[in-house]
């Protein structure tokens, strides 16, 4: 199981997440995006719809009637992977909070910023000790993402 830690130092999650979601969808996979604050989910939703019509990313909210057909599902809680209505095998934790349920997915994207860096560091230390978990760190360098310390 791979966990990608993304340190948001330049751009907010609502500007970064659409590119990640697009890559997940290009692989033929589905994504669950988790953030406990409704306002953050609203900003993420707006980010997924932004851009020219051919680049918007269709998505819906957990609890809506059509959640099972959404390629990207936005939720305030992280259910166990086998209970995700849209069948997502990838999860994006968009509010800087680690959730143990994320370990049931094939891949987790963990976004954190200066306010949530201490929790991310603690999560990194804990996850690095676990069998079968591969943590990777990404940081912004200008407009690019660079892997490394």
Protein backbone atom coordinates (compact mmCIF):
# COMPACT_ATOMS: atom_id res chain seq x y z
CA UNK A 1 0.00 0.00 0.00
CA UNK A 2 1.45 3.32 -1.04
CA UNK A 3 0.89 6.57 0.89
CA UNK A 4 1.94 9.76 -0.89
CA UNK A 5 2.47 12.72 1.45
CA UNK A 6 1.96 16.05 -0.33
CA UNK A 7 3.24 19.14 1.50
CA UNK A 8 1.15 22.11 0.39
CA UNK A 9 3.52 25.05 0.67
CA UNK A 10 2.47 27.10 -2.35
CA UNK A 11 -0.96 26.06 -3.58
CA UNK A 12 -4.05 25.02 -1.60
CA UNK A 13 -5.46 21.52 -1.92
CA UNK A 14 -8.32 22.65 -4.18
CA UNK A 15 -5.74 23.71 -6.80
CA UNK A 16 -3.53 20.63 -6.45
CA UNK A 17 -6.06 17.83 -6.10
CA UNK A 18 -7.62 18.12 -9.60
CA UNK A 19 -4.33 17.12 -11.26
CA UNK A 20 -3.99 14.08 -8.97
CA UNK A 21 -7.64 13.14 -9.52
CA UNK A 22 -7.17 13.44 -13.27
CA UNK A 23 -4.24 11.01 -13.20
CA UNK A 24 -6.21 8.54 -11.08
CA UNK A 25 -9.11 8.67 -13.55
CA UNK A 26 -6.73 8.34 -16.52
CA UNK A 27 -5.63 5.01 -15.00
CA UNK A 28 -9.25 3.86 -15.09
CA UNK A 29 -9.55 4.06 -11.31
CA UNK A 30 -11.91 5.96 -9.00
CA UNK A 31 -11.14 8.30 -6.13
CA UNK A 32 -12.64 9.09 -2.75
CA UNK A 33 -11.79 12.59 -1.46
CA UNK A 34 -12.17 13.08 2.30
CA UNK A 35 -12.30 16.36 4.24
CA UNK A 36 -14.33 16.91 7.36
CA UNK A 37 -15.15 20.59 6.67
CA UNK A 38 -18.02 21.18 4.20
CA UNK A 39 -16.41 24.47 3.11
CA UNK A 40 -13.22 22.69 2.07
CA UNK A 41 -15.25 20.14 0.10
CA UNK A 42 -17.03 23.05 -1.63
CA UNK A 43 -13.69 24.57 -2.67
CA UNK A 44 -12.45 21.17 -3.88
CA UNK A 45 -15.68 20.70 -5.85
CA UNK A 46 -15.19 24.09 -7.50
CA UNK A 47 -11.59 23.15 -8.33
CA UNK A 48 -12.71 19.90 -9.96
CA UNK A 49 -15.17 21.81 -12.16
CA UNK A 50 -12.69 24.60 -13.06
CA UNK A 51 -11.02 24.90 -16.42
CA UNK A 52 -12.27 24.37 -19.95
CA UNK A 53 -15.23 21.99 -20.41
CA UNK A 54 -13.00 19.17 -21.68
CA UNK A 55 -10.89 19.25 -18.51
CA UNK A 56 -13.52 19.28 -15.75
CA UNK A 57 -13.68 16.23 -13.53
CA UNK A 58 -17.12 14.79 -12.89
CA UNK A 59 -17.76 14.19 -9.23
CA UNK A 60 -20.47 13.95 -6.61
CA UNK A 61 -21.05 13.91 -2.88
CA UNK A 62 -21.42 10.98 -0.55
CA UNK A 63 -25.09 10.61 0.30
CA UNK A 64 -26.34 11.82 -3.09
CA UNK A 65 -28.52 9.50 -5.15
CA UNK A 66 -25.93 8.92 -7.86
CA UNK A 67 -22.86 8.42 -5.67
CA UNK A 68 -22.21 4.93 -7.04
CA UNK A 69 -21.62 6.23 -10.58
CA UNK A 70 -19.31 9.11 -9.65
CA UNK A 71 -15.66 8.71 -10.67
CA UNK A 72 -14.69 11.09 -7.85
CA UNK A 73 -16.69 11.03 -4.64
CA UNK A 74 -16.41 13.77 -2.00
CA UNK A 75 -17.08 12.78 1.61
CA UNK A 76 -16.71 14.10 5.14
CA UNK A 77 -15.89 10.65 6.53
CA UNK A 78 -13.62 7.87 5.34
CA UNK A 79 -15.42 4.54 5.25
CA UNK A 80 -13.64 1.23 4.94
CA UNK A 81 -12.49 0.74 1.35
CA UNK A 82 -14.99 -2.04 0.65
CA UNK A 83 -17.86 0.23 1.71
CA UNK A 84 -17.13 3.16 -0.64
CA UNK A 85 -20.19 3.61 -2.82
CA UNK A 86 -18.30 4.43 -6.03
CA UNK A 87 -15.86 1.53 -5.63
CA UNK A 88 -12.82 3.82 -5.22
CA UNK A 89 -9.53 2.08 -4.54
CA UNK A 90 -7.68 5.40 -4.12
CA UNK A 91 -8.32 7.90 -1.32
CA UNK A 92 -7.25 11.53 -0.95
CA UNK A 93 -7.15 12.86 2.60
CA UNK A 94 -7.56 16.54 1.80
CA UNK A 95 -7.67 18.12 5.25
CA UNK A 96 -4.32 17.17 6.75
CA UNK A 97 -5.77 14.48 9.01
CA UNK A 98 -4.66 10.86 8.78
CA UNK A 99 -7.38 8.20 8.98
CA UNK A 100 -6.55 4.55 9.59
CA UNK A 101 -9.28 3.51 7.14
CA UNK A 102 -7.04 4.81 4.35
CA UNK A 103 -4.83 1.74 4.79
CA UNK A 104 -7.58 -0.39 3.26
CA UNK A 105 -7.20 1.37 -0.10
CA UNK A 106 -4.61 0.58 -2.76
CA UNK A 107 -3.16 4.08 -2.57
CA UNK A 108 -3.61 7.11 -0.33
CA UNK A 109 -2.80 10.74 -1.06
CA UNK A 110 -2.27 12.67 2.17
CA UNK A 111 -2.31 16.46 1.73
CA UNK A 112 -1.02 18.63 4.57
CA UNK A 113 0.04 22.24 5.07
CA UNK A 114 1.90 24.30 7.68
CA UNK A 115 -1.02 24.03 10.11
CA UNK A 116 -1.15 20.23 9.93
CA UNK A 117 2.56 19.44 9.50
CA UNK A 118 3.01 18.05 13.01
CA UNK A 119 0.28 15.46 12.45
CA UNK A 120 1.78 14.57 9.07
CA UNK A 121 5.20 14.02 10.64
CA UNK A 122 3.72 11.77 13.32
CA UNK A 123 1.79 9.84 10.66
CA UNK A 124 4.95 9.44 8.55
CA UNK A 125 6.90 8.03 11.50
CA UNK A 126 4.10 5.59 12.35
CA UNK A 127 3.42 4.48 8.78
CA UNK A 128 7.13 4.02 7.97
CA UNK A 129 7.25 1.28 10.64
CA UNK A 130 4.33 -0.69 9.22
CA UNK A 131 4.76 -3.79 7.13
CA UNK A 132 3.51 -3.36 3.57
CA UNK A 133 3.21 0.45 3.71
CA UNK A 134 5.38 2.53 1.39
CA UNK A 135 5.36 6.22 2.32
CA UNK A 136 6.60 8.75 -0.23
CA UNK A 137 7.07 12.48 0.28
CA UNK A 138 6.34 15.19 -2.31
CA UNK A 139 7.04 18.90 -2.02
CA UNK A 140 6.36 21.85 -4.28
CA UNK A 141 9.30 23.40 -6.08
CA UNK A 142 7.97 26.26 -8.11
CA UNK A 143 5.17 24.85 -10.24
CA UNK A 144 6.48 21.26 -10.06
CA UNK A 145 6.24 18.45 -7.51
CA UNK A 146 9.52 16.90 -6.48
CA UNK A 147 9.89 13.66 -4.57
CA UNK A 148 12.29 13.57 -1.69
CA UNK A 149 13.03 14.73 1.81
